[in-house]
């Protein structure tokens, strides 16, 4: 799984609408409205590196109201949560 964190500036009067449109895009797993230097942060998770461009340049950047994006590719996750398990299809290994 390849993860990208996308910082998004958007039109201030359309943050909720832009956030919902972003959340509906394939490859976008989460969208957060935030305080600080940007309006929204989107988490993109895809299986192939080439899909990053499809989701960010081909999807996120084309949503009406998105003014600017700043994308960061994650190399490694440091978490107590097993992200791979979150994306499993429900099959468990037999004992």
Protein backbone atom coordinates (compact mmCIF):
# COMPACT_ATOMS: atom_id res chain seq x y z
CA UNK A 1 0.00 0.00 0.00
CA UNK A 2 1.34 3.42 -0.99
CA UNK A 3 0.21 6.36 1.14
CA UNK A 4 0.32 10.03 0.23
CA UNK A 5 -0.60 12.92 2.49
CA UNK A 6 -2.00 15.83 0.48
CA UNK A 7 -2.23 19.33 1.98
CA UNK A 8 -4.97 21.27 0.21
CA UNK A 9 -5.81 24.96 -0.03
CA UNK A 10 -9.35 25.59 -1.17
CA UNK A 11 -11.92 28.34 -1.42
CA UNK A 12 -12.88 29.22 2.17
CA UNK A 13 -16.59 29.37 1.38
CA UNK A 14 -16.68 25.82 0.00
CA UNK A 15 -14.57 23.75 2.42
CA UNK A 16 -17.33 21.25 3.36
CA UNK A 17 -18.39 20.72 -0.26
CA UNK A 18 -14.80 20.32 -1.47
CA UNK A 19 -14.04 17.91 1.38
CA UNK A 20 -17.03 15.71 0.47
CA UNK A 21 -16.10 15.67 -3.22
CA UNK A 22 -12.54 14.68 -2.30
CA UNK A 23 -13.74 11.95 0.06
CA UNK A 24 -15.82 10.48 -2.78
CA UNK A 25 -12.77 10.05 -5.06
CA UNK A 26 -11.35 6.56 -5.57
CA UNK A 27 -8.06 6.30 -3.71
CA UNK A 28 -8.88 8.96 -1.13
CA UNK A 29 -9.35 7.17 2.18
CA UNK A 30 -9.85 10.16 4.49
CA UNK A 31 -10.24 13.93 4.35
CA UNK A 32 -9.76 16.19 7.38
CA UNK A 33 -10.63 19.86 7.77
CA UNK A 34 -7.82 21.39 9.79
CA UNK A 35 -6.62 24.58 11.44
CA UNK A 36 -3.32 26.04 10.32
CA UNK A 37 -1.68 26.80 7.01
CA UNK A 38 -3.98 24.65 4.87
CA UNK A 39 -7.72 24.02 4.75
CA UNK A 40 -7.88 20.26 4.21
CA UNK A 41 -5.64 17.22 4.46
CA UNK A 42 -6.42 14.17 2.33
CA UNK A 43 -4.97 10.74 2.88
CA UNK A 44 -4.50 8.84 -0.37
CA UNK A 45 -3.92 5.09 -0.31
CA UNK A 46 -3.33 3.14 -3.51
CA UNK A 47 -1.70 -0.13 -4.49
CA UNK A 48 0.49 1.10 -7.39
CA UNK A 49 2.76 4.15 -7.49
CA UNK A 50 1.32 5.28 -10.85
CA UNK A 51 -2.10 5.60 -9.23
CA UNK A 52 -0.82 8.46 -7.06
CA UNK A 53 -0.71 10.75 -10.11
CA UNK A 54 -4.16 9.61 -11.20
CA UNK A 55 -5.67 10.42 -7.80
CA UNK A 56 -3.82 13.67 -7.07
CA UNK A 57 -3.28 15.32 -10.47
CA UNK A 58 -6.22 13.64 -12.16
CA UNK A 59 -8.70 13.86 -9.30
CA UNK A 60 -7.93 16.04 -6.30
CA UNK A 61 -6.43 18.95 -8.26
CA UNK A 62 -9.44 19.02 -10.62
CA UNK A 63 -12.11 19.34 -7.93
CA UNK A 64 -13.80 22.74 -8.17
CA UNK A 65 -12.66 24.90 -5.27
CA UNK A 66 -9.20 23.31 -4.89
CA UNK A 67 -6.65 26.12 -5.25
CA UNK A 68 -3.35 24.39 -4.44
CA UNK A 69 -2.00 21.02 -3.29
CA UNK A 70 1.23 19.98 -1.60
CA UNK A 71 1.78 16.22 -1.71
CA UNK A 72 3.97 14.05 0.51
CA UNK A 73 4.65 10.36 -0.14
CA UNK A 74 4.98 8.25 3.01
CA UNK A 75 7.98 5.91 3.15
CA UNK A 76 7.11 4.03 6.33
CA UNK A 77 4.32 4.09 8.90
CA UNK A 78 5.12 4.11 12.60
CA UNK A 79 1.91 3.13 14.30
CA UNK A 80 0.36 0.72 16.75
CA UNK A 81 -2.38 0.14 14.21
CA UNK A 82 -1.92 -2.51 11.54
CA UNK A 83 -2.86 -0.59 8.39
CA UNK A 84 -2.56 -3.66 6.20
CA UNK A 85 -5.16 -5.41 8.35
CA UNK A 86 -7.49 -2.47 7.83
CA UNK A 87 -7.39 -3.16 4.09
CA UNK A 88 -7.63 -6.96 4.31
CA UNK A 89 -10.61 -8.56 2.60
CA UNK A 90 -11.54 -10.53 5.68
CA UNK A 91 -9.55 -13.67 5.01
CA UNK A 92 -7.65 -15.02 7.97
CA UNK A 93 -4.77 -17.42 7.89
CA UNK A 94 -5.66 -20.84 9.24
CA UNK A 95 -3.88 -22.05 12.37
